[in-house]
Amino acid sequence: MNIGLPPELYTIWEAYPWRFGEPYCLFKTFLTEFMSSASVLTILAFTVERYVAICHPLRAQAVSTPARAVKTLIAVWIGAALSALPYPLHTRTYYYVYDPRHSDDRTHA
């Protein structure tokens, strides 16, 4: 029973059985990796932009335009999506299966 928790907290609260299905599992895996990669690559882009602005101020004034910033962010997001793609391709949902032939000693106290 989902009690209104966010999916990340719900996975800690009740891991078995996974109630959201494999499509959500794949989407969650992709989104987590995508956001991590996008954050790192965005910080990298800002760092490179600041380096050029400080070390080469005349060149920075000529090449720093809003159009270039938009193109850089689009490239960052495409790079992040491509780097995150292998994770959901190799992710699967495993279901806990109880076999009644194998008794668990902890249940027989």
PDB file of N, CA and C in Angstrom:
ATOM      1  N   MET A   1       0.846  -1.172   0.000  1.00  0.00           N
ATOM      2  CA  MET A   1       0.000   0.000   0.000  1.00  0.00           C
ATOM      3  C   MET A   1       0.893   1.237   0.000  1.00  0.00           C
ATOM      4  N   ASN A   2       0.713   2.073  -1.007  1.00  0.00           N
ATOM      5  CA  ASN A   2       1.445   3.329  -1.082  1.00  0.00           C
ATOM      6  C   ASN A   2       0.725   4.342  -0.204  1.00  0.00           C
ATOM      7  N   ILE A   3       1.413   4.881   0.777  1.00  0.00           N
ATOM      8  CA  ILE A   3       0.773   5.775   1.740  1.00  0.00           C
ATOM      9  C   ILE A   3       1.069   7.235   1.438  1.00  0.00           C
ATOM     10  N   GLY A   4       1.252   7.571   0.163  1.00  0.00           N
ATOM     11  CA  GLY A   4       1.481   8.948  -0.223  1.00  0.00           C
ATOM     12  C   GLY A   4       2.919   9.412  -0.089  1.00  0.00           C
ATOM     13  N   LEU A   5       3.857   8.494   0.004  1.00  0.00           N
ATOM     14  CA  LEU A   5       5.269   8.859   0.116  1.00  0.00           C
ATOM     15  C   LEU A   5       5.864   9.098  -1.267  1.00  0.00           C
ATOM     16  N   PRO A   6       6.893   9.935  -1.365  1.00  0.00           N
ATOM     17  CA  PRO A   6       7.616  10.036  -2.637  1.00  0.00           C
ATOM     18  C   PRO A   6       8.213   8.673  -2.984  1.00  0.00           C
ATOM     19  N   PRO A   7       8.345   8.367  -4.280  1.00  0.00           N
ATOM     20  CA  PRO A   7       8.833   7.040  -4.677  1.00  0.00           C
ATOM     21  C   PRO A   7      10.180   6.669  -4.064  1.00  0.00           C
ATOM     22  N   GLU A   8      11.102   7.633  -3.912  1.00  0.00           N
ATOM     23  CA  GLU A   8      12.411   7.316  -3.341  1.00  0.00           C
ATOM     24  C   GLU A   8      12.278   6.884  -1.882  1.00  0.00           C
ATOM     25  N   LEU A   9      11.438   7.566  -1.135  1.00  0.00           N
ATOM     26  CA  LEU A   9      11.224   7.209   0.260  1.00  0.00           C
ATOM     27  C   LEU A   9      10.434   5.916   0.373  1.00  0.00           C
ATOM     28  N   TYR A  10       9.508   5.696  -0.553  1.00  0.00           N
ATOM     29  CA  TYR A  10       8.712   4.466  -0.545  1.00  0.00           C
ATOM     30  C   TYR A  10       9.595   3.240  -0.782  1.00  0.00           C
ATOM     31  N   THR A  11      10.648   3.380  -1.612  1.00  0.00           N
ATOM     32  CA  THR A  11      11.523   2.231  -1.854  1.00  0.00           C
ATOM     33  C   THR A  11      12.278   1.836  -0.589  1.00  0.00           C
ATOM     34  N   ILE A  12      12.530   2.793   0.295  1.00  0.00           N
ATOM     35  CA  ILE A  12      13.162   2.461   1.572  1.00  0.00           C
ATOM     36  C   ILE A  12      12.132   1.864   2.522  1.00  0.00           C
ATOM     37  N   TRP A  13      10.934   2.425   2.513  1.00  0.00           N
ATOM     38  CA  TRP A  13       9.873   2.004   3.429  1.00  0.00           C
ATOM     39  C   TRP A  13       9.447   0.561   3.148  1.00  0.00           C
ATOM     40  N   GLU A  14       9.222   0.246   1.871  1.00  0.00           N
ATOM     41  CA  GLU A  14       8.760  -1.093   1.504  1.00  0.00           C
ATOM     42  C   GLU A  14       9.381  -1.468   0.164  1.00  0.00           C
ATOM     43  N   ALA A  15      10.460  -2.231   0.202  1.00  0.00           N
ATOM     44  CA  ALA A  15      11.190  -2.565  -1.020  1.00  0.00           C
ATOM     45  C   ALA A  15      10.549  -3.728  -1.778  1.00  0.00           C
ATOM     46  N   TYR A  16       9.933  -4.667  -1.100  1.00  0.00           N
ATOM     47  CA  TYR A  16       9.339  -5.833  -1.753  1.00  0.00           C
ATOM     48  C   TYR A  16       7.865  -5.875  -1.448  1.00  0.00           C
ATOM     49  N   PRO A  17       7.040  -6.139  -2.379  1.00  0.00           N
ATOM     50  CA  PRO A  17       7.335  -6.200  -3.813  1.00  0.00           C
ATOM     51  C   PRO A  17       7.406  -4.810  -4.410  1.00  0.00           C
ATOM     52  N   TRP A  18       8.150  -4.680  -5.488  1.00  0.00           N
ATOM     53  CA  TRP A  18       8.256  -3.402  -6.190  1.00  0.00           C
ATOM     54  C   TRP A  18       6.946  -3.203  -6.942  1.00  0.00           C
ATOM     55  N   ARG A  19       6.189  -2.210  -6.550  1.00  0.00           N
ATOM     56  CA  ARG A  19       4.832  -2.037  -7.066  1.00  0.00           C
ATOM     57  C   ARG A  19       4.728  -1.123  -8.273  1.00  0.00           C
ATOM     58  N   PHE A  20       5.799  -0.464  -8.654  1.00  0.00           N
ATOM     59  CA  PHE A  20       5.707   0.531  -9.721  1.00  0.00           C
ATOM     60  C   PHE A  20       5.978  -0.031 -11.109  1.00  0.00           C
ATOM     61  N   GLY A  21       6.425  -1.264 -11.211  1.00  0.00           N
ATOM     62  CA  GLY A  21       6.657  -1.881 -12.507  1.00  0.00           C
ATOM     63  C   GLY A  21       8.011  -1.531 -13.110  1.00  0.00           C
ATOM     64  N   GLU A  22       8.361  -2.283 -14.126  1.00  0.00           N
ATOM     65  CA  GLU A  22       9.669  -2.107 -14.756  1.00  0.00           C
ATOM     66  C   GLU A  22       9.802  -0.787 -15.519  1.00  0.00           C
ATOM     67  N   PRO A  23       8.756  -0.291 -16.210  1.00  0.00           N
ATOM     68  CA  PRO A  23       8.935   0.997 -16.900  1.00  0.00           C
ATOM     69  C   PRO A  23       9.327   2.134 -15.948  1.00  0.00           C
ATOM     70  N   TYR A  24       8.700   2.196 -14.782  1.00  0.00           N
ATOM     71  CA  TYR A  24       9.065   3.250 -13.830  1.00  0.00           C
ATOM     72  C   TYR A  24      10.469   3.023 -13.284  1.00  0.00           C
ATOM     73  N   CYS A  25      10.843   1.787 -13.086  1.00  0.00           N
ATOM     74  CA  CYS A  25      12.191   1.472 -12.600  1.00  0.00           C
ATOM     75  C   CYS A  25      13.232   1.961 -13.613  1.00  0.00           C
ATOM     76  N   LEU A  26      12.995   1.711 -14.888  1.00  0.00           N
ATOM     77  CA  LEU A  26      13.922   2.156 -15.927  1.00  0.00           C
ATOM     78  C   LEU A  26      13.953   3.683 -16.006  1.00  0.00           C
ATOM     79  N   PHE A  27      12.780   4.319 -15.927  1.00  0.00           N
ATOM     80  CA  PHE A  27      12.719   5.774 -15.975  1.00  0.00           C
ATOM     81  C   PHE A  27      13.428   6.393 -14.778  1.00  0.00           C
ATOM     82  N   LYS A  28      13.212   5.830 -13.599  1.00  0.00           N
ATOM     83  CA  LYS A  28      13.841   6.342 -12.380  1.00  0.00           C
ATOM     84  C   LYS A  28      15.361   6.213 -12.465  1.00  0.00           C
ATOM     85  N   THR A  29      15.833   5.095 -12.971  1.00  0.00           N
ATOM     86  CA  THR A  29      17.268   4.881 -13.122  1.00  0.00           C
ATOM     87  C   THR A  29      17.863   5.889 -14.107  1.00  0.00           C
ATOM     88  N   PHE A  30      17.188   6.070 -15.246  1.00  0.00           N
ATOM     89  CA  PHE A  30      17.678   7.032 -16.233  1.00  0.00           C
ATOM     90  C   PHE A  30      17.670   8.447 -15.673  1.00  0.00           C
ATOM     91  N   LEU A  31      16.581   8.830 -15.023  1.00  0.00           N
ATOM     92  CA  LEU A  31      16.460  10.193 -14.519  1.00  0.00           C
ATOM     93  C   LEU A  31      17.501  10.492 -13.447  1.00  0.00           C
ATOM     94  N   THR A  32      17.760   9.538 -12.576  1.00  0.00           N
ATOM     95  CA  THR A  32      18.763   9.733 -11.530  1.00  0.00           C
ATOM     96  C   THR A  32      20.149   9.954 -12.136  1.00  0.00           C
ATOM     97  N   GLU A  33      20.534   9.106 -13.063  1.00  0.00           N
ATOM     98  CA  GLU A  33      21.849   9.238 -13.696  1.00  0.00           C
ATOM     99  C   GLU A  33      21.924  10.470 -14.575  1.00  0.00           C
ATOM    100  N   PHE A  34      20.828  10.785 -15.267  1.00  0.00           N
ATOM    101  CA  PHE A  34      20.794  11.959 -16.133  1.00  0.00           C
ATOM    102  C   PHE A  34      20.992  13.241 -15.331  1.00  0.00           C
ATOM    103  N   MET A  35      20.287  13.365 -14.224  1.00  0.00           N
ATOM    104  CA  MET A  35      20.405  14.579 -13.410  1.00  0.00           C
ATOM    105  C   MET A  35      21.796  14.706 -12.784  1.00  0.00           C
ATOM    106  N   SER A  36      22.377  13.594 -12.374  1.00  0.00           N
ATOM    107  CA  SER A  36      23.734  13.635 -11.823  1.00  0.00           C
ATOM    108  C   SER A  36      24.736  14.087 -12.881  1.00  0.00           C
ATOM    109  N   SER A  37      24.644  13.504 -14.061  1.00  0.00           N
ATOM    110  CA  SER A  37      25.566  13.880 -15.143  1.00  0.00           C
ATOM    111  C   SER A  37      25.336  15.317 -15.580  1.00  0.00           C
ATOM    112  N   ALA A  38      24.083  15.750 -15.678  1.00  0.00           N
ATOM    113  CA  ALA A  38      23.782  17.119 -16.097  1.00  0.00           C
ATOM    114  C   ALA A  38      24.333  18.122 -15.087  1.00  0.00           C
ATOM    115  N   SER A  39      24.246  17.804 -13.810  1.00  0.00           N
ATOM    116  CA  SER A  39      24.782  18.710 -12.788  1.00  0.00           C
ATOM    117  C   SER A  39      26.292  18.863 -12.918  1.00  0.00           C
ATOM    118  N   VAL A  40      26.977  17.749 -13.057  1.00  0.00           N
ATOM    119  CA  VAL A  40      28.436  17.785 -13.160  1.00  0.00           C
ATOM    120  C   VAL A  40      28.868  18.510 -14.434  1.00  0.00           C
ATOM    121  N   LEU A  41      28.224  18.199 -15.555  1.00  0.00           N
ATOM    122  CA  LEU A  41      28.609  18.836 -16.819  1.00  0.00           C
ATOM    123  C   LEU A  41      28.256  20.325 -16.843  1.00  0.00           C
ATOM    124  N   THR A  42      27.178  20.726 -16.169  1.00  0.00           N
ATOM    125  CA  THR A  42      26.835  22.149 -16.087  1.00  0.00           C
ATOM    126  C   THR A  42      27.881  22.906 -15.278  1.00  0.00           C
ATOM    127  N   ILE A  43      28.306  22.332 -14.173  1.00  0.00           N
ATOM    128  CA  ILE A  43      29.364  22.959 -13.371  1.00  0.00           C
ATOM    129  C   ILE A  43      30.654  23.045 -14.185  1.00  0.00           C
ATOM    130  N   LEU A  44      30.948  22.017 -14.950  1.00  0.00           N
ATOM    131  CA  LEU A  44      32.128  22.048 -15.817  1.00  0.00           C
ATOM    132  C   LEU A  44      32.026  23.169 -16.850  1.00  0.00           C
ATOM    133  N   ALA A  45      30.854  23.329 -17.451  1.00  0.00           N
ATOM    134  CA  ALA A  45      30.662  24.386 -18.453  1.00  0.00           C
ATOM    135  C   ALA A  45      30.828  25.775 -17.826  1.00  0.00           C
ATOM    136  N   PHE A  46      30.267  25.957 -16.620  1.00  0.00           N
ATOM    137  CA  PHE A  46      30.439  27.240 -15.933  1.00  0.00           C
ATOM    138  C   PHE A  46      31.906  27.496 -15.596  1.00  0.00           C
ATOM    139  N   THR A  47      32.618  26.458 -15.200  1.00  0.00           N
ATOM    140  CA  THR A  47      34.024  26.597 -14.857  1.00  0.00           C
ATOM    141  C   THR A  47      34.845  27.006 -16.071  1.00  0.00           C
ATOM    142  N   VAL A  48      34.597  26.379 -17.200  1.00  0.00           N
ATOM    143  CA  VAL A  48      35.315  26.728 -18.427  1.00  0.00           C
ATOM    144  C   VAL A  48      34.984  28.157 -18.834  1.00  0.00           C
ATOM    145  N   GLU A  49      33.717  28.543 -18.715  1.00  0.00           N
ATOM    146  CA  GLU A  49      33.313  29.906 -19.065  1.00  0.00           C
ATOM    147  C   GLU A  49      33.993  30.931 -18.157  1.00  0.00           C
ATOM    148  N   ARG A  50      34.085  30.650 -16.886  1.00  0.00           N
ATOM    149  CA  ARG A  50      34.756  31.558 -15.940  1.00  0.00           C
ATOM    150  C   ARG A  50      36.259  31.626 -16.214  1.00  0.00           C
ATOM    151  N   TYR A  51      36.861  30.489 -16.575  1.00  0.00           N
ATOM    152  CA  TYR A  51      38.286  30.475 -16.917  1.00  0.00           C
ATOM    153  C   TYR A  51      38.562  31.394 -18.107  1.00  0.00           C
ATOM    154  N   VAL A  52      37.728  31.263 -19.144  1.00  0.00           N
ATOM    155  CA  VAL A  52      37.917  32.095 -20.335  1.00  0.00           C
ATOM    156  C   VAL A  52      37.689  33.562 -19.979  1.00  0.00           C
ATOM    157  N   ALA A  53      36.682  33.847 -19.153  1.00  0.00           N
ATOM    158  CA  ALA A  53      36.388  35.234 -18.786  1.00  0.00           C
ATOM    159  C   ALA A  53      37.516  35.870 -17.987  1.00  0.00           C
ATOM    160  N   ILE A  54      38.201  35.080 -17.151  1.00  0.00           N
ATOM    161  CA  ILE A  54      39.259  35.623 -16.296  1.00  0.00           C
ATOM    162  C   ILE A  54      40.607  35.651 -17.024  1.00  0.00           C
ATOM    163  N   CYS A  55      40.945  34.563 -17.698  1.00  0.00           N
ATOM    164  CA  CYS A  55      42.274  34.473 -18.319  1.00  0.00           C
ATOM    165  C   CYS A  55      42.340  35.100 -19.714  1.00  0.00           C
ATOM    166  N   HIS A  56      41.215  35.178 -20.401  1.00  0.00           N
ATOM    167  CA  HIS A  56      41.166  35.740 -21.756  1.00  0.00           C
ATOM    168  C   HIS A  56      39.962  36.678 -21.869  1.00  0.00           C
ATOM    169  N   PRO A  57      40.004  37.821 -21.170  1.00  0.00           N
ATOM    170  CA  PRO A  57      38.817  38.688 -21.112  1.00  0.00           C
ATOM    171  C   PRO A  57      38.388  39.262 -22.458  1.00  0.00           C
ATOM    172  N   LEU A  58      39.324  39.563 -23.335  1.00  0.00           N
ATOM    173  CA  LEU A  58      38.944  40.117 -24.639  1.00  0.00           C
ATOM    174  C   LEU A  58      38.260  39.071 -25.506  1.00  0.00           C
ATOM    175  N   ARG A  59      38.767  37.860 -25.472  1.00  0.00           N
ATOM    176  CA  ARG A  59      38.142  36.772 -26.227  1.00  0.00           C
ATOM    177  C   ARG A  59      36.771  36.445 -25.644  1.00  0.00           C
ATOM    178  N   ALA A  60      36.650  36.470 -24.330  1.00  0.00           N
ATOM    179  CA  ALA A  60      35.375  36.160 -23.681  1.00  0.00           C
ATOM    180  C   ALA A  60      34.310  37.173 -24.054  1.00  0.00           C
ATOM    181  N   GLN A  61      34.699  38.415 -24.162  1.00  0.00           N
ATOM    182  CA  GLN A  61      33.736  39.454 -24.518  1.00  0.00           C
ATOM    183  C   GLN A  61      33.207  39.244 -25.940  1.00  0.00           C
ATOM    184  N   ALA A  62      34.046  38.711 -26.796  1.00  0.00           N
ATOM    185  CA  ALA A  62      33.636  38.500 -28.191  1.00  0.00           C
ATOM    186  C   ALA A  62      32.789  37.239 -28.375  1.00  0.00           C
ATOM    187  N   VAL A  63      33.066  36.185 -27.596  1.00  0.00           N
ATOM    188  CA  VAL A  63      32.386  34.905 -27.840  1.00  0.00           C
ATOM    189  C   VAL A  63      31.248  34.608 -26.865  1.00  0.00           C
ATOM    190  N   SER A  64      31.134  35.330 -25.779  1.00  0.00           N
ATOM    191  CA  SER A  64      30.076  35.053 -24.803  1.00  0.00           C
ATOM    192  C   SER A  64      28.782  35.730 -25.231  1.00  0.00           C
ATOM    193  N   THR A  65      27.881  34.921 -25.775  1.00  0.00           N
ATOM    194  CA  THR A  65      26.582  35.420 -26.214  1.00  0.00           C
ATOM    195  C   THR A  65      25.489  34.515 -25.645  1.00  0.00           C
ATOM    196  N   PRO A  66      24.271  35.011 -25.532  1.00  0.00           N
ATOM    197  CA  PRO A  66      23.177  34.159 -25.066  1.00  0.00           C
ATOM    198  C   PRO A  66      22.939  32.940 -25.962  1.00  0.00           C
ATOM    199  N   ALA A  67      23.116  33.110 -27.263  1.00  0.00           N
ATOM    200  CA  ALA A  67      22.933  31.975 -28.178  1.00  0.00           C
ATOM    201  C   ALA A  67      23.960  30.882 -27.911  1.00  0.00           C
ATOM    202  N   ARG A  68      25.179  31.291 -27.633  1.00  0.00           N
ATOM    203  CA  ARG A  68      26.225  30.308 -27.327  1.00  0.00           C
ATOM    204  C   ARG A  68      25.936  29.602 -26.007  1.00  0.00           C
ATOM    205  N   ALA A  69      25.400  30.328 -25.032  1.00  0.00           N
ATOM    206  CA  ALA A  69      25.044  29.724 -23.749  1.00  0.00           C
ATOM    207  C   ALA A  69      23.947  28.677 -23.927  1.00  0.00           C
ATOM    208  N   VAL A  70      22.956  28.983 -24.754  1.00  0.00           N
ATOM    209  CA  VAL A  70      21.879  28.026 -25.012  1.00  0.00           C
ATOM    210  C   VAL A  70      22.427  26.785 -25.711  1.00  0.00           C
ATOM    211  N   LYS A  71      23.280  26.969 -26.691  1.00  0.00           N
ATOM    212  CA  LYS A  71      23.887  25.831 -27.396  1.00  0.00           C
ATOM    213  C   LYS A  71      24.722  24.985 -26.449  1.00  0.00           C
ATOM    214  N   THR A  72      25.444  25.626 -25.541  1.00  0.00           N
ATOM    215  CA  THR A  72      26.257  24.892 -24.566  1.00  0.00           C
ATOM    216  C   THR A  72      25.374  24.062 -23.646  1.00  0.00           C
ATOM    217  N   LEU A  73      24.291  24.649 -23.167  1.00  0.00           N
ATOM    218  CA  LEU A  73      23.392  23.896 -22.280  1.00  0.00           C
ATOM    219  C   LEU A  73      22.704  22.746 -23.002  1.00  0.00           C
ATOM    220  N   ILE A  74      22.338  22.949 -24.253  1.00  0.00           N
ATOM    221  CA  ILE A  74      21.755  21.846 -25.026  1.00  0.00           C
ATOM    222  C   ILE A  74      22.774  20.730 -25.196  1.00  0.00           C
ATOM    223  N   ALA A  75      24.022  21.088 -25.489  1.00  0.00           N
ATOM    224  CA  ALA A  75      25.082  20.080 -25.611  1.00  0.00           C
ATOM    225  C   ALA A  75      25.311  19.359 -24.285  1.00  0.00           C
ATOM    226  N   VAL A  76      25.244  20.092 -23.175  1.00  0.00           N
ATOM    227  CA  VAL A  76      25.404  19.479 -21.849  1.00  0.00           C
ATOM    228  C   VAL A  76      24.287  18.470 -21.605  1.00  0.00           C
ATOM    229  N   TRP A  77      23.053  18.834 -21.918  1.00  0.00           N
ATOM    230  CA  TRP A  77      21.922  17.926 -21.672  1.00  0.00           C
ATOM    231  C   TRP A  77      21.972  16.707 -22.593  1.00  0.00           C
ATOM    232  N   ILE A  78      22.373  16.891 -23.836  1.00  0.00           N
ATOM    233  CA  ILE A  78      22.510  15.738 -24.736  1.00  0.00           C
ATOM    234  C   ILE A  78      23.632  14.827 -24.253  1.00  0.00           C
ATOM    235  N   GLY A  79      24.759  15.423 -23.844  1.00  0.00           N
ATOM    236  CA  GLY A  79      25.854  14.616 -23.298  1.00  0.00           C
ATOM    237  C   GLY A  79      25.445  13.870 -22.042  1.00  0.00           C
ATOM    238  N   ALA A  80      24.678  14.522 -21.175  1.00  0.00           N
ATOM    239  CA  ALA A  80      24.207  13.870 -19.954  1.00  0.00           C
ATOM    240  C   ALA A  80      23.255  12.725 -20.280  1.00  0.00           C
ATOM    241  N   ALA A  81      22.366  12.928 -21.245  1.00  0.00           N
ATOM    242  CA  ALA A  81      21.429  11.867 -21.634  1.00  0.00           C
ATOM    243  C   ALA A  81      22.168  10.679 -22.230  1.00  0.00           C
ATOM    244  N   LEU A  82      23.155  10.943 -23.059  1.00  0.00           N
ATOM    245  CA  LEU A  82      23.917   9.845 -23.662  1.00  0.00           C
ATOM    246  C   LEU A  82      24.742   9.087 -22.623  1.00  0.00           C
ATOM    247  N   SER A  83      25.297   9.818 -21.662  1.00  0.00           N
ATOM    248  CA  SER A  83      26.090   9.128 -20.647  1.00  0.00           C
ATOM    249  C   SER A  83      25.211   8.362 -19.655  1.00  0.00           C
ATOM    250  N   ALA A  84      23.943   8.760 -19.507  1.00  0.00           N
ATOM    251  CA  ALA A  84      23.039   8.071 -18.589  1.00  0.00           C
ATOM    252  C   ALA A  84      22.314   6.907 -19.252  1.00  0.00           C
ATOM    253  N   LEU A  85      22.327   6.823 -20.548  1.00  0.00           N
ATOM    254  CA  LEU A  85      21.574   5.798 -21.269  1.00  0.00           C
ATOM    255  C   LEU A  85      21.974   4.359 -20.949  1.00  0.00           C
ATOM    256  N   PRO A  86      23.247   4.025 -20.748  1.00  0.00           N
ATOM    257  CA  PRO A  86      23.574   2.621 -20.446  1.00  0.00           C
ATOM    258  C   PRO A  86      22.959   2.094 -19.149  1.00  0.00           C
ATOM    259  N   TYR A  87      22.717   2.953 -18.180  1.00  0.00           N
ATOM    260  CA  TYR A  87      22.194   2.482 -16.897  1.00  0.00           C
ATOM    261  C   TYR A  87      20.812   1.854 -17.018  1.00  0.00           C
ATOM    262  N   PRO A  88      19.815   2.505 -17.621  1.00  0.00           N
ATOM    263  CA  PRO A  88      18.520   1.833 -17.727  1.00  0.00           C
ATOM    264  C   PRO A  88      18.530   0.658 -18.701  1.00  0.00           C
ATOM    265  N   LEU A  89      19.475   0.650 -19.640  1.00  0.00           N
ATOM    266  CA  LEU A  89      19.546  -0.489 -20.558  1.00  0.00           C
ATOM    267  C   LEU A  89      19.959  -1.770 -19.847  1.00  0.00           C
ATOM    268  N   HIS A  90      20.671  -1.628 -18.732  1.00  0.00           N
ATOM    269  CA  HIS A  90      21.135  -2.800 -17.992  1.00  0.00           C
ATOM    270  C   HIS A  90      20.418  -2.980 -16.658  1.00  0.00           C
ATOM    271  N   THR A  91      19.351  -2.246 -16.430  1.00  0.00           N
ATOM    272  CA  THR A  91      18.600  -2.338 -15.179  1.00  0.00           C
ATOM    273  C   THR A  91      17.407  -3.258 -15.374  1.00  0.00           C
ATOM    274  N   ARG A  92      17.174  -4.099 -14.404  1.00  0.00           N
ATOM    275  CA  ARG A  92      16.011  -4.985 -14.424  1.00  0.00           C
ATOM    276  C   ARG A  92      15.364  -4.975 -13.048  1.00  0.00           C
ATOM    277  N   THR A  93      14.088  -5.311 -13.031  1.00  0.00           N
ATOM    278  CA  THR A  93      13.363  -5.416 -11.774  1.00  0.00           C
ATOM    279  C   THR A  93      13.372  -6.876 -11.344  1.00  0.00           C
ATOM    280  N   TYR A  94      13.834  -7.118 -10.125  1.00  0.00           N
ATOM    281  CA  TYR A  94      13.837  -8.460  -9.578  1.00  0.00           C
ATOM    282  C   TYR A  94      12.739  -8.556  -8.535  1.00  0.00           C
ATOM    283  N   TYR A  95      11.985  -9.625  -8.614  1.00  0.00           N
ATOM    284  CA  TYR A  95      10.875  -9.812  -7.693  1.00  0.00           C
ATOM    285  C   TYR A  95      11.241 -10.881  -6.679  1.00  0.00           C
ATOM    286  N   TYR A  96      10.901 -10.627  -5.429  1.00  0.00           N
ATOM    287  CA  TYR A  96      11.146 -11.574  -4.362  1.00  0.00           C
ATOM    288  C   TYR A  96      10.122 -12.692  -4.482  1.00  0.00           C
ATOM    289  N   VAL A  97      10.600 -13.913  -4.575  1.00  0.00           N
ATOM    290  CA  VAL A  97       9.709 -15.057  -4.726  1.00  0.00           C
ATOM    291  C   VAL A  97       9.855 -15.935  -3.493  1.00  0.00           C
ATOM    292  N   TYR A  98       8.742 -16.254  -2.870  1.00  0.00           N
ATOM    293  CA  TYR A  98       8.746 -17.120  -1.711  1.00  0.00           C
ATOM    294  C   TYR A  98       8.444 -18.530  -2.174  1.00  0.00           C
ATOM    295  N   ASP A  99       9.326 -19.452  -1.829  1.00  0.00           N
ATOM    296  CA  ASP A  99       9.140 -20.854  -2.159  1.00  0.00           C
ATOM    297  C   ASP A  99       8.687 -21.572  -0.896  1.00  0.00           C
ATOM    298  N   PRO A 100       7.466 -22.081  -0.867  1.00  0.00           N
ATOM    299  CA  PRO A 100       6.969 -22.708   0.360  1.00  0.00           C
ATOM    300  C   PRO A 100       7.708 -23.993   0.741  1.00  0.00           C
ATOM    301  N   ARG A 101       8.459 -24.577  -0.178  1.00  0.00           N
ATOM    302  CA  ARG A 101       9.208 -25.800   0.146  1.00  0.00           C
ATOM    303  C   ARG A 101      10.395 -25.514   1.048  1.00  0.00           C
ATOM    304  N   HIS A 102      10.873 -24.265   1.050  1.00  0.00           N
ATOM    305  CA  HIS A 102      12.000 -23.896   1.889  1.00  0.00           C
ATOM    306  C   HIS A 102      11.476 -23.068   3.047  1.00  0.00           C
ATOM    307  N   SER A 103      11.416 -23.692   4.214  1.00  0.00           N
ATOM    308  CA  SER A 103      10.892 -22.962   5.367  1.00  0.00           C
ATOM    309  C   SER A 103      11.978 -22.067   5.958  1.00  0.00           C
ATOM    310  N   ASP A 104      11.557 -20.947   6.488  1.00  0.00           N
ATOM    311  CA  ASP A 104      12.455 -20.013   7.118  1.00  0.00           C
ATOM    312  C   ASP A 104      12.386 -20.253   8.629  1.00  0.00           C
ATOM    313  N   ASP A 105      13.528 -20.522   9.256  1.00  0.00           N
ATOM    314  CA  ASP A 105      13.536 -20.833  10.670  1.00  0.00           C
ATOM    315  C   ASP A 105      13.107 -19.656  11.541  1.00  0.00           C
ATOM    316  N   ARG A 106      13.250 -18.445  11.023  1.00  0.00           N
ATOM    317  CA  ARG A 106      12.883 -17.272  11.812  1.00  0.00           C
ATOM    318  C   ARG A 106      11.368 -17.168  11.985  1.00  0.00           C
ATOM    319  N   THR A 107      10.602 -17.796  11.084  1.00  0.00           N
ATOM    320  CA  THR A 107       9.148 -17.710  11.220  1.00  0.00           C
ATOM    321  C   THR A 107       8.608 -18.731  12.213  1.00  0.00           C
ATOM    322  N   HIS A 108       9.407 -19.725  12.559  1.00  0.00           N
ATOM    323  CA  HIS A 108       8.975 -20.766  13.492  1.00  0.00           C
ATOM    324  C   HIS A 108       9.684 -20.587  14.838  1.00  0.00           C
ATOM    325  N   ALA A 109       9.197 -19.676  15.626  1.00  0.00           N
ATOM    326  CA  ALA A 109       9.841 -19.414  16.912  1.00  0.00           C
ATOM    327  C   ALA A 109       9.210 -20.227  18.020  1.00  0.00           C
TER     328      ALA A 109
END
